[in-house]
Amino acid sequence: MSSVEEPKSLYAPREPIFPRRVKGTFRSLKWWIMLVTLGVYYITPWIRWDRGPNLPDQAVLVDLANRRFYFFVIEIWPHEFYFVAGLLIMAGLGLFLFTSAMGRVWCGYACPQTVWTDLFIAVERWIEGDRNNRLRLHRAPMSARKLRLRLTKWTIWLVIAVATGGAWVFYFTDAPTLLRDLVTFSAHPVAYTTIAILTATTFVFGGFAREQICIYACPWPRIQAAMMDEDTLTIGYRDWRGEPRGKHRKAEGAEEKGDCIDCMACVNVCPMGIDIRNGQQMECITCGLCIDACDDIMEKIGKPRGLIDYLALSDETLERAGKTGRRPWQHILRPRTILYTVLWAGVGVGLVVALFLRSDIEMTVAPVRNPTFVTLANGDIRNTYEVRLLNKHGEDRRFDLTVEAQDPAAAELMLDIEGSDTNWVMVPADSTQLSRVYVIGPRGSDAVENHRTEFRLWVEDLSTGERAYKDTVFNGKGSQ
């Protein structure tokens, strides 16, 4: 009886990547970007900003309970969500711009997955040593030392992950108050749940999944090809200068070899575990660490730097012929990037103009249609309107309402506010006030006899003198 062979698996197990420490321009740039981005993320919720006695003093706050977004001097209300939409459009256009100009620089330097993975790798290197030490520890059987190092590393990772999840929830409520509630276990369960989820994802993504998130979970590597062309500056290997590669420089025929000595330095420092000498690959995040590693080797063997560098495919023919390629700015300033820049700047300018031109008085006027009008006992006709006033200031404001004639018939209209013997409304600080307003046409007037009479409802902030208006109509007997 013949045995049936088990089918071979089509999937290879993941080989952990242990990047080697490297020094250089791009590594320093990544350290600075990490420091700035993490600093902004962790510190911003604790910045205070005085807006008055009735408003929150947190500089950046997404106040979901009161449906507000505060950013220093800027306050965004729900009906102004177009500002948020505009910022998202700018972020998308900015991503297109940087990708078309310099490849996946967002992924290599500022993406949260990259930043936190770099931080976790730095902790791992600090505890377990550089690449060779980590490799040996990974392959060694479990021992007391290995367990101790792993537990120490995981503990620090967990602290970073908890701080990450905690910092996120601080953006949605007053940070000092929430911190006190978290410590005393009196915070809302949603806060604990959110922190737990973000802690787990940060711990797993930054500590274990790492490059797997970039390769398999993130859609951007597959989209980036549409943003890049032959003039995009991306990391490449000058194979016309480096090949044929060879390790032995003193052996016979060494003069026929290229500059690459096959030292594997570029591979050993790559956080994605790829060999850039194989050409452009989807996994490459253009972080530039391979450039630092290769330049260091080139200096040691007395060869020119730039064997691996930010390159444009359009320069390949020139360089193969021994000529100098175009300057980087000539690749960056081309029709596609200029178009993205103009669109990005246009949206930004539009948002700034809209922000500074928006009125401090917001009002809506909604005629009540059921019934269209009411005939009073004395023969007057009354229309009802729901007027919503928005007070964007930090103190209570008084708003005066008046009727202005759009045509001669409207001059006879009178205004009455339900529940008040005055024509003004007091609106609480940083809130809206819905008032029922009656507009009355005297018996026998043209406004009463006509079908529709146009008029303008004015509102004035009695504290500042600022005014706003809405046009609407008065329905008379002719509308029956």
Protein backbone atom coordinates (compact mmCIF):
# COMPACT_ATOMS: atom_id res chain seq x y z
CA MET A 1 0.00 0.00 0.00
CA SER A 2 1.63 3.20 -1.17
CA SER A 3 1.72 6.19 1.10
CA VAL A 4 0.32 9.50 -0.10
CA GLU A 5 2.73 12.41 0.19
CA GLU A 6 1.52 15.45 2.04
CA PRO A 7 1.20 18.45 -0.31
CA LYS A 8 3.87 21.04 0.17
CA SER A 9 2.77 24.30 1.72
CA LEU A 10 2.60 27.27 -0.60
CA TYR A 11 3.39 29.61 2.26
CA ALA A 12 6.78 29.99 3.89
CA PRO A 13 6.97 30.86 7.58
CA ARG A 14 7.95 34.45 8.36
CA GLU A 15 11.62 35.03 9.02
CA PRO A 16 12.04 37.78 11.63
CA ILE A 17 14.04 40.78 10.49
CA PHE A 18 16.75 42.19 12.75
CA PRO A 19 18.03 45.43 11.19
CA ARG A 20 21.60 46.39 11.99
CA ARG A 21 22.42 49.73 13.58
CA VAL A 22 23.55 52.33 11.07
CA LYS A 23 24.67 55.96 11.23
CA GLY A 24 24.28 58.58 8.56
CA THR A 25 22.21 61.43 7.17
CA PHE A 26 19.00 59.51 6.66
CA ARG A 27 19.19 57.69 9.97
CA SER A 28 19.65 61.03 11.74
CA LEU A 29 16.71 62.46 9.81
CA LYS A 30 14.55 59.55 10.93
CA TRP A 31 15.57 60.08 14.57
CA TRP A 32 14.59 63.75 14.41
CA ILE A 33 11.26 63.03 12.73
CA MET A 34 10.53 60.35 15.33
CA LEU A 35 11.35 62.79 18.15
CA VAL A 36 9.14 65.53 16.71
CA THR A 37 6.15 63.35 15.79
CA LEU A 38 6.11 61.43 19.08
CA GLY A 39 6.58 64.68 20.99
CA VAL A 40 3.64 66.29 19.20
CA TYR A 41 1.48 63.21 19.75
CA TYR A 42 2.18 62.78 23.46
CA ILE A 43 2.41 66.45 24.53
CA THR A 44 -0.36 68.14 22.54
CA PRO A 45 -3.31 67.07 24.78
CA TRP A 46 -1.62 68.72 27.76
CA ILE A 47 -1.24 72.16 26.19
CA ARG A 48 -3.64 74.67 27.74
CA TRP A 49 -5.42 77.50 25.92
CA ASP A 50 -7.63 80.03 27.71
CA ARG A 51 -10.92 80.52 25.83
CA GLY A 52 -12.96 82.02 28.66
CA PRO A 53 -14.83 80.77 31.70
CA ASN A 54 -17.43 78.71 29.84
CA LEU A 55 -15.20 76.96 27.31
CA PRO A 56 -12.63 74.14 27.62
CA ASP A 57 -9.03 75.23 28.11
CA GLN A 58 -7.45 72.33 26.22
CA ALA A 59 -5.64 73.64 23.14
CA VAL A 60 -6.57 70.69 20.89
CA LEU A 61 -9.80 68.92 21.75
CA VAL A 62 -12.32 66.82 19.83
CA ASP A 63 -15.36 67.38 22.03
CA LEU A 64 -17.75 64.70 20.79
CA ALA A 65 -20.24 65.27 23.63
CA ASN A 66 -20.79 68.91 22.62
CA ARG A 67 -19.98 68.34 18.95
CA ARG A 68 -17.04 70.74 18.78
CA PHE A 69 -13.49 70.64 17.53
CA TYR A 70 -11.06 73.06 19.16
CA PHE A 71 -7.63 73.85 17.75
CA PHE A 72 -6.03 76.73 19.64
CA VAL A 73 -7.92 79.84 18.41
CA ILE A 74 -10.06 77.87 15.95
CA GLU A 75 -13.41 76.37 16.89
CA ILE A 76 -15.19 74.11 14.40
CA TRP A 77 -18.92 73.47 14.76
CA PRO A 78 -20.81 70.48 13.27
CA HIS A 79 -22.20 72.51 10.36
CA GLU A 80 -18.60 73.55 9.52
CA PHE A 81 -17.41 70.01 8.90
CA TYR A 82 -16.27 71.13 5.46
CA PHE A 83 -13.10 72.40 7.19
CA VAL A 84 -12.31 68.84 8.30
CA ALA A 85 -13.14 67.53 4.85
CA GLY A 86 -10.81 70.13 3.35
CA LEU A 87 -7.98 69.06 5.64
CA LEU A 88 -8.49 65.43 4.61
CA ILE A 89 -8.37 66.45 0.95
CA MET A 90 -5.14 68.37 1.60
CA ALA A 91 -3.68 65.31 3.33
CA GLY A 92 -4.53 63.14 0.32
CA LEU A 93 -3.11 65.63 -2.17
CA GLY A 94 0.01 66.01 -0.03
CA LEU A 95 0.49 62.26 -0.05
CA PHE A 96 0.13 62.22 -3.84
CA LEU A 97 2.59 65.11 -4.15
CA PHE A 98 5.34 63.59 -2.01
CA THR A 99 4.92 60.14 -3.57
CA SER A 100 5.11 61.45 -7.12
CA ALA A 101 8.17 63.53 -6.20
CA MET A 102 10.17 61.16 -3.97
CA GLY A 103 8.38 57.82 -3.72
CA ARG A 104 7.20 56.44 -0.40
CA VAL A 105 8.85 59.04 1.82
CA TRP A 106 5.74 59.17 3.99
CA CYS A 107 6.06 55.46 4.65
CA GLY A 108 9.78 55.68 5.33
CA TYR A 109 9.81 58.64 7.69
CA ALA A 110 6.46 59.78 9.12
CA CYS A 111 3.96 56.90 8.96
CA PRO A 112 2.88 55.94 12.53
CA GLN A 113 3.67 52.29 11.79
CA THR A 114 7.22 53.26 10.81
CA VAL A 115 7.71 55.63 13.77
CA TRP A 116 6.55 53.18 16.43
CA THR A 117 8.35 50.25 14.79
CA ASP A 118 11.59 52.27 14.84
CA LEU A 119 11.00 53.02 18.51
CA PHE A 120 10.35 49.36 19.34
CA ILE A 121 13.46 48.27 17.41
CA ALA A 122 15.53 50.85 19.31
CA VAL A 123 14.29 49.36 22.60
CA GLU A 124 15.02 45.85 21.33
CA ARG A 125 18.54 46.82 20.28
CA TRP A 126 19.16 48.54 23.63
CA ILE A 127 18.20 45.40 25.57
CA GLU A 128 19.33 42.54 23.32
CA GLY A 129 22.18 44.12 21.38
CA ASP A 130 22.77 44.76 17.70
CA ARG A 131 21.82 42.52 14.80
CA ASN A 132 24.18 39.58 15.36
CA ASN A 133 23.38 39.39 19.07
CA ARG A 134 19.64 39.45 18.37
CA LEU A 135 20.00 36.76 15.73
CA ARG A 136 21.90 34.50 18.09
CA LEU A 137 19.37 35.10 20.83
CA HIS A 138 16.49 34.33 18.46
CA ARG A 139 18.03 31.02 17.38
CA ALA A 140 19.11 29.99 20.88
CA PRO A 141 16.89 27.68 22.95
CA MET A 142 14.87 29.19 25.75
CA SER A 143 16.95 29.91 28.82
CA ALA A 144 16.72 32.06 31.93
CA ARG A 145 18.73 34.83 30.24
CA LYS A 146 16.64 34.74 27.08
CA LEU A 147 13.41 34.80 29.10
CA ARG A 148 14.69 37.70 31.19
CA LEU A 149 15.66 39.76 28.13
CA ARG A 150 12.37 39.01 26.39
CA LEU A 151 10.28 39.93 29.42
CA THR A 152 12.22 43.16 29.90
CA LYS A 153 11.76 44.08 26.26
CA TRP A 154 8.06 43.22 26.23
CA THR A 155 7.47 45.17 29.43
CA ILE A 156 8.95 48.35 27.94
CA TRP A 157 7.00 47.77 24.74
CA LEU A 158 3.82 47.43 26.78
CA VAL A 159 4.51 50.69 28.63
CA ILE A 160 4.99 52.48 25.30
CA ALA A 161 1.81 50.88 23.93
CA VAL A 162 -0.23 51.93 26.98
CA ALA A 163 1.11 55.48 26.71
CA THR A 164 0.14 55.46 23.03
CA GLY A 165 -3.43 54.33 23.68
CA GLY A 166 -3.75 56.70 26.63
CA ALA A 167 -2.52 59.69 24.66
CA TRP A 168 -5.14 59.05 21.99
CA VAL A 169 -8.14 59.22 24.35
CA PHE A 170 -6.80 62.43 25.90
CA TYR A 171 -7.64 64.21 22.64
CA PHE A 172 -11.37 63.59 23.21
CA THR A 173 -11.85 64.97 26.73
CA ASP A 174 -10.04 67.10 29.26
CA ALA A 175 -6.69 65.33 29.69
CA PRO A 176 -5.97 66.03 33.41
CA THR A 177 -9.51 65.11 34.40
CA LEU A 178 -9.46 61.89 32.39
CA LEU A 179 -6.05 60.92 33.76
CA ARG A 180 -7.35 61.30 37.32
CA ASP A 181 -10.44 59.25 36.46
CA LEU A 182 -8.31 56.54 34.82
CA VAL A 183 -6.02 56.26 37.82
CA THR A 184 -8.95 56.13 40.27
CA PHE A 185 -10.82 53.64 38.03
CA SER A 186 -13.79 55.98 37.69
CA ALA A 187 -13.46 56.71 33.96
CA HIS A 188 -16.10 55.59 31.47
CA PRO A 189 -15.69 51.99 30.23
CA VAL A 190 -15.31 53.33 26.67
CA ALA A 191 -12.04 55.00 27.71
CA TYR A 192 -10.61 51.76 29.11
CA THR A 193 -11.79 49.79 26.08
CA THR A 194 -10.25 52.24 23.63
CA ILE A 195 -6.94 52.27 25.49
CA ALA A 196 -6.91 48.47 25.61
CA ILE A 197 -7.53 48.13 21.86
CA LEU A 198 -4.91 50.73 20.92
CA THR A 199 -2.44 49.22 23.39
CA ALA A 200 -2.86 45.78 21.86
CA THR A 201 -2.57 46.98 18.27
CA THR A 202 0.50 49.12 19.02
CA PHE A 203 2.17 46.27 20.91
CA VAL A 204 1.51 43.70 18.17
CA PHE A 205 2.01 45.93 15.11
CA GLY A 206 5.17 47.65 16.33
CA GLY A 207 6.72 44.72 18.17
CA PHE A 208 5.86 41.64 16.14
CA ALA A 209 4.07 42.34 12.83
CA ARG A 210 6.33 45.23 11.78
CA GLU A 211 7.03 44.94 8.05
CA GLN A 212 4.04 42.60 7.62
CA ILE A 213 1.69 45.54 8.19
CA CYS A 214 3.42 47.54 5.46
CA ILE A 215 3.46 44.64 3.00
CA TYR A 216 0.10 42.97 3.53
CA ALA A 217 -2.21 45.23 5.56
CA CYS A 218 -1.46 48.67 4.11
CA PRO A 219 -2.96 49.41 0.67
CA TRP A 220 -0.53 52.21 -0.16
CA PRO A 221 2.28 50.02 -1.61
CA ARG A 222 -0.14 48.91 -4.30
CA ILE A 223 -1.45 52.40 -4.99
CA GLN A 224 1.91 54.14 -5.12
CA ALA A 225 2.72 52.84 -8.61
CA ALA A 226 0.00 55.10 -10.04
CA MET A 227 1.66 58.11 -8.39
CA MET A 228 5.18 57.39 -9.66
CA ASP A 229 6.79 57.71 -13.09
CA GLU A 230 10.27 57.65 -14.58
CA ASP A 231 11.06 61.07 -13.06
CA THR A 232 10.19 60.12 -9.49
CA LEU A 233 13.17 60.17 -7.17
CA THR A 234 13.23 56.85 -5.38
CA ILE A 235 15.96 54.67 -3.87
CA GLY A 236 17.83 52.67 -6.46
CA TYR A 237 21.06 50.79 -7.04
CA ARG A 238 23.44 51.90 -9.78
CA ASP A 239 24.06 48.43 -11.16
CA TRP A 240 26.00 49.87 -14.11
CA ARG A 241 28.57 50.98 -11.61
CA GLY A 242 28.33 48.20 -9.03
CA GLU A 243 28.24 45.09 -11.24
CA PRO A 244 29.73 42.61 -11.52
CA ARG A 245 29.97 42.54 -7.74
CA GLY A 246 32.64 40.61 -5.89
CA LYS A 247 34.17 40.33 -2.44
CA HIS A 248 37.83 39.72 -3.29
CA ARG A 249 39.57 42.89 -4.42
CA LYS A 250 43.11 41.56 -4.52
CA ALA A 251 42.43 38.45 -6.56
CA GLU A 252 43.19 38.15 -10.24
CA GLY A 253 40.64 40.02 -12.37
CA ALA A 254 39.52 42.26 -9.51
CA GLU A 255 39.92 45.31 -11.72
CA GLU A 256 37.06 44.05 -13.88
CA LYS A 257 34.62 44.00 -10.99
CA GLY A 258 32.23 46.77 -10.07
CA ASP A 259 32.20 48.88 -6.94
CA CYS A 260 29.82 46.60 -5.04
CA ILE A 261 31.79 44.25 -2.78
CA ASP A 262 28.68 42.21 -1.90
CA CYS A 263 29.06 43.04 1.80
CA MET A 264 25.29 42.80 2.38
CA ALA A 265 25.36 45.99 4.48
CA CYS A 266 22.38 47.40 2.55
CA VAL A 267 20.36 44.24 3.23
CA ASN A 268 21.33 44.00 6.90
CA VAL A 269 20.09 47.50 7.74
CA CYS A 270 16.84 47.28 5.77
CA PRO A 271 13.78 47.20 8.08
CA MET A 272 11.83 45.45 5.31
CA GLY A 273 14.47 42.76 4.75
CA ILE A 274 14.83 43.32 1.01
CA ASP A 275 17.85 43.60 -1.26
CA ILE A 276 17.64 46.93 -3.05
CA ARG A 277 20.15 45.66 -5.61
CA ASN A 278 17.35 43.54 -7.10
CA GLY A 279 15.61 46.69 -8.35
CA GLN A 280 12.54 48.60 -7.25
CA GLN A 281 10.26 46.51 -5.05
CA MET A 282 6.84 47.02 -3.55
CA GLU A 283 8.22 46.42 -0.06
CA CYS A 284 10.71 49.31 -0.19
CA ILE A 285 9.61 52.24 1.97
CA THR A 286 12.46 54.52 0.75
CA CYS A 287 13.74 55.15 4.28
CA GLY A 288 17.31 55.69 3.04
CA LEU A 289 19.06 53.46 5.59
CA CYS A 290 20.62 51.38 2.81
CA ILE A 291 22.11 54.60 1.42
CA ASP A 292 23.77 55.36 4.75
CA ALA A 293 25.13 51.82 5.01
CA CYS A 294 26.47 51.72 1.45
CA ASP A 295 28.02 55.19 1.63
CA ASP A 296 29.87 54.14 4.78
CA ILE A 297 31.30 51.08 2.99
CA MET A 298 32.25 53.08 -0.09
CA GLU A 299 34.23 55.52 2.03
CA LYS A 300 36.06 52.67 3.72
CA ILE A 301 37.14 51.08 0.42
CA GLY A 302 37.95 54.40 -1.23
CA LYS A 303 35.09 54.45 -3.72
CA PRO A 304 32.70 57.34 -4.50
CA ARG A 305 29.51 57.54 -2.48
CA GLY A 306 26.13 57.14 -4.16
CA LEU A 307 26.23 53.51 -5.33
CA ILE A 308 22.79 53.35 -3.70
CA ASP A 309 20.99 56.66 -3.80
CA TYR A 310 17.78 58.50 -4.55
CA LEU A 311 17.56 58.08 -8.33
CA ALA A 312 15.21 58.75 -11.20
CA LEU A 313 14.84 56.10 -13.89
CA SER A 314 15.00 58.78 -16.57
CA ASP A 315 18.65 59.44 -15.67
CA GLU A 316 19.73 55.82 -16.12
CA THR A 317 20.61 56.18 -19.81
CA LEU A 318 22.70 59.30 -19.16
CA GLU A 319 24.59 57.75 -16.27
CA ARG A 320 25.25 54.51 -18.13
CA ALA A 321 26.85 56.64 -20.82
CA GLY A 322 29.05 58.30 -18.22
CA LYS A 323 27.16 61.57 -18.20
CA THR A 324 25.64 63.42 -15.24
CA GLY A 325 21.93 63.11 -14.65
CA ARG A 326 19.62 66.01 -14.02
CA ARG A 327 19.59 67.75 -10.67
CA PRO A 328 17.02 66.58 -8.07
CA TRP A 329 14.97 69.77 -8.27
CA GLN A 330 14.57 69.26 -12.02
CA HIS A 331 12.89 65.92 -11.32
CA ILE A 332 10.72 67.32 -8.56
CA LEU A 333 9.50 70.39 -10.46
CA ARG A 334 7.57 68.81 -13.29
CA PRO A 335 3.93 69.14 -14.49
CA ARG A 336 2.52 66.41 -12.24
CA THR A 337 4.04 67.71 -9.01
CA ILE A 338 3.26 71.31 -9.94
CA LEU A 339 -0.38 70.34 -10.50
CA TYR A 340 -0.57 68.59 -7.13
CA THR A 341 1.06 71.59 -5.46
CA VAL A 342 -1.39 74.03 -7.04
CA LEU A 343 -4.37 71.89 -6.02
CA TRP A 344 -3.01 71.44 -2.50
CA ALA A 345 -2.32 75.15 -2.09
CA GLY A 346 -5.69 76.06 -3.62
CA VAL A 347 -7.58 73.97 -1.06
CA GLY A 348 -5.45 75.42 1.74
CA VAL A 349 -5.99 79.01 0.68
CA GLY A 350 -9.71 78.34 0.30
CA LEU A 351 -9.91 76.97 3.85
CA VAL A 352 -7.99 79.92 5.29
CA VAL A 353 -10.20 82.43 3.46
CA ALA A 354 -13.35 80.61 4.59
CA LEU A 355 -12.05 80.51 8.15
CA PHE A 356 -11.45 84.25 8.37
CA LEU A 357 -14.55 85.25 6.41
CA ARG A 358 -17.01 83.18 8.42
CA SER A 359 -19.38 85.28 10.46
CA ASP A 360 -19.51 85.21 14.25
CA ILE A 361 -23.31 85.20 13.92
CA GLU A 362 -24.94 82.08 12.52
CA MET A 363 -28.69 81.94 12.03
CA THR A 364 -31.24 79.77 10.28
CA VAL A 365 -34.87 80.65 9.59
CA ALA A 366 -37.37 77.85 8.96
CA PRO A 367 -41.01 78.81 8.24
CA VAL A 368 -43.55 76.57 9.97
CA ARG A 369 -45.75 75.21 7.17
CA ASN A 370 -48.44 73.50 9.20
CA PRO A 371 -50.46 75.66 9.16
CA THR A 372 -49.15 78.10 6.59
CA PHE A 373 -50.69 81.01 8.49
CA VAL A 374 -53.12 81.65 11.33
CA THR A 375 -55.94 84.21 11.31
CA LEU A 376 -56.11 85.95 14.67
CA ALA A 377 -59.32 87.10 16.38
CA ASN A 378 -58.82 90.69 15.27
CA GLY A 379 -58.38 89.66 11.64
CA ASP A 380 -54.55 89.90 11.55
CA ILE A 381 -52.58 87.15 9.78
CA ARG A 382 -49.71 85.48 11.66
CA ASN A 383 -46.88 83.39 10.19
CA THR A 384 -44.64 81.30 12.43
CA TYR A 385 -40.88 80.82 12.00
CA GLU A 386 -38.30 78.81 13.91
CA VAL A 387 -35.16 80.93 14.24
CA ARG A 388 -31.99 79.22 15.43
CA LEU A 389 -29.19 81.52 16.61
CA LEU A 390 -25.63 80.39 17.24
CA ASN A 391 -23.45 82.19 19.78
CA LYS A 392 -19.78 81.35 19.13
CA HIS A 393 -18.49 83.47 22.00
CA GLY A 394 -17.50 82.45 25.51
CA GLU A 395 -20.13 84.61 27.19
CA ASP A 396 -23.91 85.04 26.91
CA ARG A 397 -24.92 87.38 24.11
CA ARG A 398 -28.11 89.34 23.42
CA PHE A 399 -29.36 89.35 19.83
CA ASP A 400 -31.93 91.82 18.52
CA LEU A 401 -34.40 90.70 15.81
CA THR A 402 -36.00 93.09 13.34
CA VAL A 403 -38.03 92.86 10.13
CA GLU A 404 -36.90 94.83 7.09
CA ALA A 405 -39.12 95.47 4.08
CA GLN A 406 -38.10 93.93 0.78
CA ASP A 407 -41.11 95.53 -0.94
CA PRO A 408 -43.70 98.13 0.20
CA ALA A 409 -46.13 95.50 1.48
CA ALA A 410 -43.56 94.12 3.93
CA ALA A 411 -43.23 97.50 5.66
CA GLU A 412 -46.44 96.76 7.57
CA LEU A 413 -45.19 93.47 9.07
CA MET A 414 -44.64 93.24 12.83
CA LEU A 415 -42.43 90.82 14.79
CA ASP A 416 -43.25 89.02 18.03
CA ILE A 417 -41.09 86.48 19.89
CA GLU A 418 -42.92 83.70 21.70
CA GLY A 419 -42.73 84.01 25.47
CA SER A 420 -41.12 87.46 25.38
CA ASP A 421 -42.36 91.04 25.41
CA THR A 422 -39.17 92.22 23.70
CA ASN A 423 -37.64 91.74 20.27
CA TRP A 424 -34.34 90.35 21.51
CA VAL A 425 -33.15 86.86 22.44
CA MET A 426 -30.50 85.95 25.02
CA VAL A 427 -28.31 83.11 23.70
CA PRO A 428 -26.07 81.25 26.19
CA ALA A 429 -22.31 81.13 25.63
CA ASP A 430 -21.01 78.76 22.96
CA SER A 431 -24.41 77.29 22.23
CA THR A 432 -27.45 77.56 20.00
CA GLN A 433 -30.88 78.92 20.88
CA LEU A 434 -34.07 77.94 19.05
CA SER A 435 -36.80 80.55 19.26
CA ARG A 436 -40.28 80.61 17.81
CA VAL A 437 -40.84 83.96 16.11
CA TYR A 438 -44.18 85.30 14.90
CA VAL A 439 -44.49 87.78 12.04
CA ILE A 440 -47.89 89.46 11.94
CA GLY A 441 -49.55 91.25 9.05
CA PRO A 442 -52.25 93.78 10.04
CA ARG A 443 -55.80 93.16 8.84
CA GLY A 444 -56.46 94.68 5.44
CA SER A 445 -52.78 95.28 4.64
CA ASP A 446 -51.24 94.35 1.31
CA ALA A 447 -49.12 91.65 2.99
CA VAL A 448 -52.30 89.98 4.25
CA GLU A 449 -54.15 90.16 0.96
CA ASN A 450 -51.19 89.11 -1.23
CA HIS A 451 -50.11 85.56 -1.92
CA ARG A 452 -46.47 85.95 -0.80
CA THR A 453 -44.56 88.93 0.52
CA GLU A 454 -40.79 88.83 0.66
CA PHE A 455 -39.04 90.30 3.70
CA ARG A 456 -35.68 90.16 5.42
CA LEU A 457 -35.17 89.08 9.04
CA TRP A 458 -32.19 90.82 10.61
CA VAL A 459 -30.31 89.80 13.74
CA GLU A 460 -27.83 92.09 15.52
CA ASP A 461 -25.33 91.24 18.24
CA LEU A 462 -25.93 94.07 20.70
CA SER A 463 -22.45 93.60 22.22
CA THR A 464 -20.49 94.12 19.01
CA GLY A 465 -22.97 95.62 16.58
CA GLU A 466 -22.36 92.82 14.07
CA ARG A 467 -25.40 91.98 11.95
CA ALA A 468 -26.63 89.11 9.79
CA TYR A 469 -29.83 88.40 7.87
CA LYS A 470 -31.94 85.78 6.17
CA ASP A 471 -34.48 86.34 3.42
CA THR A 472 -37.83 84.60 3.73
CA VAL A 473 -41.49 85.12 2.80
CA PHE A 474 -44.77 86.00 4.52
CA ASN A 475 -47.80 84.02 3.39
CA GLY A 476 -51.06 85.96 3.18
CA LYS A 477 -54.67 85.04 2.36
CA GLY A 478 -53.81 84.78 -1.29
CA SER A 479 -51.82 81.63 -0.55
CA GLN A 480 -55.00 79.69 0.29
